[in-house]
Structures are given as C-alpha cells and as structure tokens.
C-alpha cells in the first residue's frame, strides 16, 4: 500500500507493510564499537529457566506477568511461584500485559466470543475495570497507565490514567499511547485528518508533539527511563532517538526485526525472522551489537528461544519459545557473569 494514497491501516496491516519495508530498505546501523559513554548492557552468557506462563514483561524485582496456557492473566516469581489473577465477571479469559516495580498489573479481559476486549488493573488483590473498550498497554512505577480509550469526541485516542478518569493526550483523529516511563513521558501513534499515522511523544510540560521523519508513516514502539525511544517508520525503517537526535537502527542483518522491550541501559530485545514460525529471540546494545539469544544459553538446554518480550535493568530477559517440543513455553534468562 503506497503512502501516496492515504488510508487508515489496521494494526496487523501496518505490521505487514512495515516488515516488508524493512526487508527492502537498507539503512545504516548504529556503530557497534565501544564508546566512552556506555559499556555493554548485556552479558556473554545466560542461564535459562522454564516458567509456567507466556511472559509479557518483567519488573526490576524479577516478577513476571503474562498468560497461562489456560488463558488466565498471572504473576510469577521465584519466591512466590505462580499466582493467577481472577477473570473479571462477564469475561472468560484474560491476558497479563505489564506490571510495575510495586507489582501493580494491567491486563486485557476477553469474552467467550472474543468480540469484547477490555482493560483492567490489579493492585493489592483488587481488580478494577477500565472504561468500556479501553486498552491498557503500559504502566510506570507511579501507577500511571498508558493506553487507548474513547475521548470526548467518541474517537478512540491516546490516554493516560492516574485514577478512574483518563487524561486525553490530544490529536484530532484517534491513536494509542503504547509506553510510559518513570519520568511521566509517553509515546505512541496518532492519526491525522488524512488517516496517516504518526509517532508522538508527550509530557506534562510540553504536551503532545509529533515526531518522526516528515511525510513517513511512523509508530513509536519503545521507551525507557532514560527518555530514549524507538520508532518504526515507513519507508525509513527503525530509528533510535537519544537526546532529541535520531539514528537509523539496524538490528538483524538479513531479516525483519521486531523490538519488544528496552531497558534503561539501552539494551533492546525482541524477535527477528521472515515468518512467525521461524522467529528467533535477539538482544542488542550499542556496544555489542546484535546477538541471537540462542547462542548465549547452553547448547544442550533443549530450548529454541523464539521471542523475547521483556528486559529489566538487571539484565534479566523473559519471553517464549519451544522447550523439548513444547511450544509457547515461557523462559527467564538470568545473566551468568
């Protein structure tokens, strides 16, 4: 689909278009040479532990949120094991989406027909539903939630919650806030009147500002506590913004890359591959460059690591893969050195 004929793409269509664009466009990479400003965020080896859920995220304490094989949102930790969260009334399934360092969880409840999906929060054993149709996608340590909800115009747009009433972030024509950091900054995407989508950043002082290459389709995908963010643009590829300066970011050398999480050190994890069945989990940082995580765990582990979904500032990584022929198995990687 050409940018010359503006249309509003579904999320799945955007991913297909952008993935195709990344296979066709060559962009310069960030240097992998060591810099005086940074040391490597990633170790050379990890131990791997099977965990009883498909992880979505990990907090700084090593607690993991995700979804069990029985489709229940859950929290797991080494100390407490698995804790399932009750499914909200009127729904049959639930997915764990994210959690903060206090253990506050956000998730998505799903009805029997998969026709209704609604965000919720889980704090100190208490489950609270967000407004009808709202999506909760990220939470910071202050309990601020980033996501999407219907605004005063009846359009589903980017919002933040710090309490029951969402704060509308702006934009004329809809969008989503996908991440929020501990500085209260948020990023996401908004639509314009021509149904083009554009990445944005927001903070309390300056409000909402469109970012990304002018004229490109773009979506912000990652944000960390250092204020660095990653956006995906079409046809420009992946861009890393640091101190307001954009740099083209090349991850997997020969396949589309799908970054999923970034820690405060700037380490990025995700998956790469042409087709989902052949995805492999990766990690990247500025010093060490791109690494397939399968090369950093014991060769006889029995694992094929397919997607990394979270990384904390201790370097622990969670995700899912195949373990001894069991698909969608959750893993926790812990640095050895």
Protein backbone atom coordinates (compact mmCIF):
# COMPACT_ATOMS: atom_id res chain seq x y z
CA UNK A 1 0.00 0.00 0.00
CA UNK A 2 1.50 3.33 -1.04
CA UNK A 3 1.87 6.38 1.17
CA UNK A 4 0.65 8.38 -1.82
CA UNK A 5 -2.86 7.04 -1.30
CA UNK A 6 -3.55 7.61 2.40
CA UNK A 7 -5.64 5.01 4.16
CA UNK A 8 -6.04 4.04 7.78
CA UNK A 9 -4.38 0.67 8.26
CA UNK A 10 -5.28 -1.92 10.85
CA UNK A 11 -2.56 -2.88 13.32
CA UNK A 12 -1.97 -6.21 11.56
CA UNK A 13 -1.79 -4.50 8.14
CA UNK A 14 0.69 -1.95 9.45
CA UNK A 15 2.94 -4.67 10.79
CA UNK A 16 2.89 -6.48 7.45
CA UNK A 17 3.63 -3.31 5.49
CA UNK A 18 6.42 -2.19 7.80
CA UNK A 19 8.00 -5.63 7.95
CA UNK A 20 8.03 -5.74 4.16
CA UNK A 21 9.54 -2.27 4.06
CA UNK A 22 12.37 -3.32 6.34
CA UNK A 23 13.29 -6.21 4.08
CA UNK A 24 13.55 -3.88 1.09
CA UNK A 25 15.31 -0.87 2.58
CA UNK A 26 18.92 -0.73 3.67
CA UNK A 27 19.70 1.75 6.46
CA UNK A 28 22.98 2.50 8.21
CA UNK A 29 23.40 0.87 11.62
CA UNK A 30 24.46 2.39 14.90
CA UNK A 31 28.11 1.69 15.49
CA UNK A 32 28.82 -1.47 17.48
CA UNK A 33 32.19 -0.10 18.60
CA UNK A 34 32.59 0.54 22.35
CA UNK A 35 32.05 4.15 23.38
CA UNK A 36 33.31 6.07 26.35
CA UNK A 37 29.76 6.96 27.35
CA UNK A 38 28.48 3.41 27.55
CA UNK A 39 29.60 -0.06 28.49
CA UNK A 40 27.88 -3.23 27.37
CA UNK A 41 24.44 -3.76 28.89
CA UNK A 42 24.40 -7.46 28.02
CA UNK A 43 26.40 -10.42 29.35
CA UNK A 44 28.02 -13.13 27.28
CA UNK A 45 26.10 -15.99 28.87
CA UNK A 46 22.69 -16.67 30.43
CA UNK A 47 21.12 -19.44 32.41
CA UNK A 48 17.63 -20.36 31.24
CA UNK A 49 14.67 -21.27 33.45
CA UNK A 50 11.27 -22.57 32.30
CA UNK A 51 8.37 -20.62 33.81
CA UNK A 52 4.67 -21.64 33.78
CA UNK A 53 3.21 -18.79 31.71
CA UNK A 54 3.80 -16.98 28.43
CA UNK A 55 5.54 -13.82 29.65
CA UNK A 56 4.69 -10.28 28.59
CA UNK A 57 7.01 -8.27 30.85
CA UNK A 58 9.39 -8.41 33.83
CA UNK A 59 9.86 -5.77 36.53
CA UNK A 60 13.02 -4.70 38.35
CA UNK A 61 12.40 -7.23 41.14
CA UNK A 62 12.23 -10.15 38.72
CA UNK A 63 8.45 -10.57 38.89
CA UNK A 64 6.94 -11.68 35.58
CA UNK A 65 3.46 -11.01 34.21
CA UNK A 66 1.87 -12.97 31.40
CA UNK A 67 -0.77 -15.51 30.46
CA UNK A 68 -1.05 -19.18 31.41
CA UNK A 69 -1.93 -21.99 28.98
CA UNK A 70 -5.45 -21.88 30.48
CA UNK A 71 -5.76 -18.22 29.32
CA UNK A 72 -5.53 -16.58 32.74
CA UNK A 73 -3.51 -13.46 33.48
CA UNK A 74 -0.89 -14.33 36.09
CA UNK A 75 2.18 -13.21 38.01
CA UNK A 76 5.21 -15.42 38.59
CA UNK A 77 8.32 -15.02 40.73
CA UNK A 78 10.97 -17.38 42.09
CA UNK A 79 9.92 -16.57 45.65
CA UNK A 80 6.13 -16.97 45.32
CA UNK A 81 5.68 -19.17 42.28
CA UNK A 82 2.61 -18.70 40.07
CA UNK A 83 -0.32 -16.51 41.12
CA UNK A 84 -3.37 -16.48 38.85
CA UNK A 85 -5.49 -13.32 38.72
CA UNK A 86 -9.24 -13.75 38.77
CA UNK A 87 -11.03 -13.25 35.46
CA UNK A 88 -13.37 -10.23 35.60
CA UNK A 89 -17.11 -11.01 35.71
CA UNK A 90 -18.65 -11.30 32.25
CA UNK A 91 -15.40 -12.48 30.67
CA UNK A 92 -13.92 -15.94 30.18
CA UNK A 93 -10.22 -15.24 29.56
CA UNK A 94 -7.64 -12.64 30.46
CA UNK A 95 -4.12 -11.70 29.36
CA UNK A 96 -1.44 -10.15 31.54
CA UNK A 97 0.08 -7.15 29.73
CA UNK A 98 2.52 -5.32 32.02
CA UNK A 99 3.45 -4.66 35.65
CA UNK A 100 5.48 -2.13 37.61
CA UNK A 101 8.03 -2.45 40.40
CA UNK A 102 5.26 -2.39 43.04
CA UNK A 103 3.62 -5.41 41.43
CA UNK A 104 0.64 -3.49 40.03
CA UNK A 105 -0.63 -5.34 36.95
CA UNK A 106 -2.53 -4.27 33.86
CA UNK A 107 -4.26 -6.71 31.56
CA UNK A 108 -6.94 -7.36 28.99
CA UNK A 109 -10.17 -9.28 29.65
CA UNK A 110 -11.76 -11.19 26.76
CA UNK A 111 -15.29 -12.55 26.40
CA UNK A 112 -16.26 -16.02 25.18
CA UNK A 113 -16.70 -14.96 21.56
CA UNK A 114 -13.55 -12.82 21.51
CA UNK A 115 -15.79 -9.92 20.45
CA UNK A 116 -15.25 -7.78 23.54
CA UNK A 117 -11.87 -6.84 24.99
CA UNK A 118 -11.46 -4.51 27.95
CA UNK A 119 -8.50 -3.32 30.00
CA UNK A 120 -8.22 -3.81 33.77
CA UNK A 121 -5.84 -3.17 36.64
CA UNK A 122 -4.92 -5.48 39.51
CA UNK A 123 -3.48 -3.91 42.67
CA UNK A 124 -3.12 -5.46 46.14
CA UNK A 125 -5.58 -8.21 45.28
CA UNK A 126 -8.19 -5.81 43.91
CA UNK A 127 -9.28 -5.91 40.27
CA UNK A 128 -10.63 -2.72 38.63
CA UNK A 129 -12.05 -2.45 35.13
CA UNK A 130 -11.21 0.49 32.89
CA UNK A 131 -13.86 2.15 30.73
CA UNK A 132 -15.66 0.00 28.16
CA UNK A 133 -13.39 -0.90 25.26
CA UNK A 134 -10.33 0.76 26.80
CA UNK A 135 -6.87 -0.74 26.28
CA UNK A 136 -4.12 -0.67 28.90
CA UNK A 137 -0.67 -1.14 27.35
CA UNK A 138 1.96 0.13 29.82
CA UNK A 139 2.32 1.17 33.47
CA UNK A 140 5.06 3.05 35.31
CA UNK A 141 6.16 2.83 38.93
CA UNK A 142 3.86 5.70 39.94
CA UNK A 143 0.87 3.69 38.73
CA UNK A 144 0.27 5.82 35.62
CA UNK A 145 -1.18 3.75 32.79
CA UNK A 146 -0.80 4.40 29.07
CA UNK A 147 -3.30 3.13 26.53
CA UNK A 148 -6.32 3.95 24.44
CA UNK A 149 -9.91 4.94 25.25
CA UNK A 150 -12.83 6.78 23.70
CA UNK A 151 -12.37 10.52 24.07
CA UNK A 152 -14.89 13.34 24.35
CA UNK A 153 -15.46 13.17 20.57
CA UNK A 154 -16.29 9.46 20.68
CA UNK A 155 -12.99 8.58 18.99
CA UNK A 156 -10.63 6.03 20.49
CA UNK A 157 -7.49 8.06 21.21
CA UNK A 158 -4.30 8.05 23.32
CA UNK A 159 -4.84 8.48 27.06
CA UNK A 160 -3.17 8.16 30.44
CA UNK A 161 -4.83 7.01 33.66
CA UNK A 162 -3.90 8.02 37.18
CA UNK A 163 -7.25 7.18 38.69
CA UNK A 164 -10.63 6.33 37.15
CA UNK A 165 -10.81 9.17 34.62
CA UNK A 166 -8.48 9.03 31.58
CA UNK A 167 -6.42 12.05 30.59
CA UNK A 168 -6.74 12.72 26.86
CA UNK A 169 -3.32 13.38 25.33
CA UNK A 170 -4.57 15.17 22.21
CA UNK A 171 -4.70 14.62 18.48
CA UNK A 172 -7.67 15.05 16.20
CA UNK A 173 -8.40 11.63 14.90
CA UNK A 174 -7.51 8.79 17.22
CA UNK A 175 -4.42 6.86 18.23
CA UNK A 176 -2.75 4.93 21.04
CA UNK A 177 -0.22 5.56 23.81
CA UNK A 178 1.97 2.47 23.86
CA UNK A 179 4.56 3.25 26.55
CA UNK A 180 5.15 5.45 29.61
CA UNK A 181 8.35 5.80 31.64
CA UNK A 182 9.09 6.77 35.23
CA UNK A 183 9.65 10.40 34.19
CA UNK A 184 5.99 10.59 33.13
CA UNK A 185 6.82 10.72 29.41
CA UNK A 186 4.65 8.76 26.98
CA UNK A 187 4.97 7.75 23.32
CA UNK A 188 2.64 6.19 20.77
CA UNK A 189 0.93 6.97 17.49
CA UNK A 190 -1.81 9.32 16.35
CA UNK A 191 -3.80 9.69 13.13
CA UNK A 192 -4.22 12.89 11.15
CA UNK A 193 -7.21 14.01 9.08
CA UNK A 194 -5.88 12.10 6.07
CA UNK A 195 -5.73 8.87 8.13
CA UNK A 196 -1.92 8.88 8.12
CA UNK A 197 -0.42 7.59 11.36
CA UNK A 198 2.49 9.38 13.04
CA UNK A 199 4.62 8.72 16.11
CA UNK A 200 4.25 11.11 19.04
CA UNK A 201 5.85 11.91 22.36
CA UNK A 202 4.06 13.55 25.29
CA UNK A 203 4.98 15.04 28.64
CA UNK A 204 3.11 17.16 31.13
CA UNK A 205 5.06 20.34 30.34
CA UNK A 206 5.10 20.35 26.54
CA UNK A 207 2.04 18.24 25.79
CA UNK A 208 1.78 16.12 22.64
CA UNK A 209 4.33 16.54 19.85
CA UNK A 210 4.51 14.65 16.57
CA UNK A 211 7.90 13.02 15.94
CA UNK A 212 9.48 11.00 13.18
CA UNK A 213 10.53 11.75 9.60
CA UNK A 214 8.16 14.23 7.91
CA UNK A 215 5.98 12.52 5.35
CA UNK A 216 6.63 9.00 6.66
CA UNK A 217 4.13 6.72 8.32
CA UNK A 218 5.55 6.10 11.82
CA UNK A 219 4.76 4.48 15.17
CA UNK A 220 6.68 4.77 18.45
CA UNK A 221 7.27 1.29 19.81
CA UNK A 222 9.68 1.53 22.77
CA UNK A 223 10.53 4.00 25.54
CA UNK A 224 12.89 3.69 28.50
CA UNK A 225 13.51 5.57 31.75
CA UNK A 226 16.44 7.45 30.19
CA UNK A 227 13.98 9.11 27.79
CA UNK A 228 15.27 7.17 24.77
CA UNK A 229 12.69 5.82 22.37
CA UNK A 230 12.49 3.71 19.23
CA UNK A 231 10.07 4.31 16.40
CA UNK A 232 9.31 2.37 13.26
CA UNK A 233 8.77 4.44 10.12
CA UNK A 234 7.81 3.55 6.58
CA UNK A 235 9.78 3.72 4.41
CA UNK A 236 12.55 4.89 6.77
CA UNK A 237 12.94 1.80 8.98
CA UNK A 238 13.77 1.73 12.70
CA UNK A 239 15.00 4.91 14.36
CA UNK A 240 16.55 5.34 17.82
CA UNK A 241 16.06 8.78 19.42
CA UNK A 242 18.53 9.83 22.08
CA UNK A 243 18.69 13.41 23.42
CA UNK A 244 16.49 14.51 20.51
CA UNK A 245 18.85 13.06 17.88
CA UNK A 246 17.59 10.30 15.57
CA UNK A 247 19.86 7.49 14.39
CA UNK A 248 18.95 4.70 12.00
CA UNK A 249 18.91 1.43 13.91
CA UNK A 250 19.77 -1.82 12.15
CA UNK A 251 19.19 -4.97 14.19
CA UNK A 252 19.07 -8.38 12.47
CA UNK A 253 21.30 -8.15 9.36
CA UNK A 254 19.20 -10.25 6.98
CA UNK A 255 15.63 -10.42 8.35
CA UNK A 256 12.92 -8.10 9.70
CA UNK A 257 13.35 -7.26 13.39
CA UNK A 258 10.53 -6.82 15.89
CA UNK A 259 11.77 -4.96 19.01
CA UNK A 260 9.61 -5.57 22.09
CA UNK A 261 11.31 -4.01 25.11
CA UNK A 262 14.21 -1.71 26.09
CA UNK A 263 15.80 -1.16 29.50
CA UNK A 264 17.38 1.97 30.95
CA UNK A 265 20.82 0.96 29.67
CA UNK A 266 19.53 0.96 26.10
CA UNK A 267 19.51 -2.82 25.61
CA UNK A 268 16.74 -3.90 23.22
CA UNK A 269 15.16 -7.36 22.97
CA UNK A 270 12.62 -8.86 20.62
CA UNK A 271 12.37 -11.32 17.75
CA UNK A 272 13.57 -11.49 14.18
CA UNK A 273 12.69 -13.58 11.16
CA UNK A 274 10.70 -13.57 7.94
CA UNK A 275 7.81 -15.70 9.27
CA UNK A 276 6.47 -16.13 12.80
CA UNK A 277 7.16 -19.88 12.75
CA UNK A 278 10.83 -19.11 12.26
CA UNK A 279 11.21 -16.23 14.70
CA UNK A 280 14.28 -16.24 16.94
CA UNK A 281 14.82 -14.14 20.06
CA UNK A 282 17.50 -11.45 19.97
CA UNK A 283 19.20 -8.88 22.15
CA UNK A 284 21.02 -5.73 21.05
CA UNK A 285 23.01 -2.98 22.65
CA UNK A 286 25.19 -0.23 21.24
CA UNK A 287 28.46 -1.80 22.36
CA UNK A 288 27.93 -5.45 21.48
CA UNK A 289 25.52 -5.05 18.59
CA UNK A 290 23.03 -7.73 17.56
CA UNK A 291 23.01 -11.18 19.19
CA UNK A 292 20.77 -14.19 18.74
CA UNK A 293 19.89 -15.20 22.30
CA UNK A 294 20.02 -18.87 21.35
CA UNK A 295 23.80 -18.52 21.10
CA UNK A 296 24.07 -17.21 24.66
CA UNK A 297 22.41 -20.12 26.51
CA UNK A 298 23.85 -23.64 26.98
CA UNK A 299 23.80 -25.59 23.71
CA UNK A 300 22.17 -28.60 25.39
CA UNK A 301 19.43 -26.58 27.11
CA UNK A 302 16.62 -28.08 25.00
CA UNK A 303 15.35 -24.59 24.14
CA UNK A 304 14.63 -22.73 20.93
CA UNK A 305 14.15 -19.15 22.08
CA UNK A 306 11.68 -17.53 19.67
CA UNK A 307 10.70 -14.16 21.12
CA UNK A 308 12.00 -12.00 23.97
CA UNK A 309 9.23 -9.80 25.36
CA UNK A 310 10.80 -8.05 28.35
CA UNK A 311 14.11 -6.98 29.91
CA UNK A 312 14.77 -5.28 33.24
CA UNK A 313 17.70 -3.16 34.41
CA UNK A 314 19.34 -6.22 35.99
CA UNK A 315 19.62 -7.75 32.51
CA UNK A 316 17.03 -10.47 33.12
CA UNK A 317 15.08 -11.32 29.97
CA UNK A 318 11.74 -13.08 29.55
CA UNK A 319 9.99 -14.48 26.52
CA UNK A 320 8.70 -17.64 24.96
CA UNK A 321 9.85 -20.42 22.68
CA UNK A 322 9.90 -24.18 22.25
CA UNK A 323 11.23 -26.37 25.07
CA UNK A 324 11.63 -30.09 24.47
CA UNK A 325 8.90 -29.98 21.78
CA UNK A 326 6.54 -27.95 23.99
CA UNK A 327 5.50 -24.81 22.11
CA UNK A 328 4.77 -21.38 23.64
CA UNK A 329 6.84 -22.25 26.70
CA UNK A 330 7.87 -19.31 28.87
CA UNK A 331 11.51 -18.67 29.74
CA UNK A 332 13.53 -16.49 32.09
CA UNK A 333 17.14 -15.72 31.17
CA UNK A 334 19.44 -14.70 34.02
CA UNK A 335 22.95 -13.29 33.43
CA UNK A 336 25.68 -15.72 34.44
CA UNK A 337 28.64 -13.33 34.54
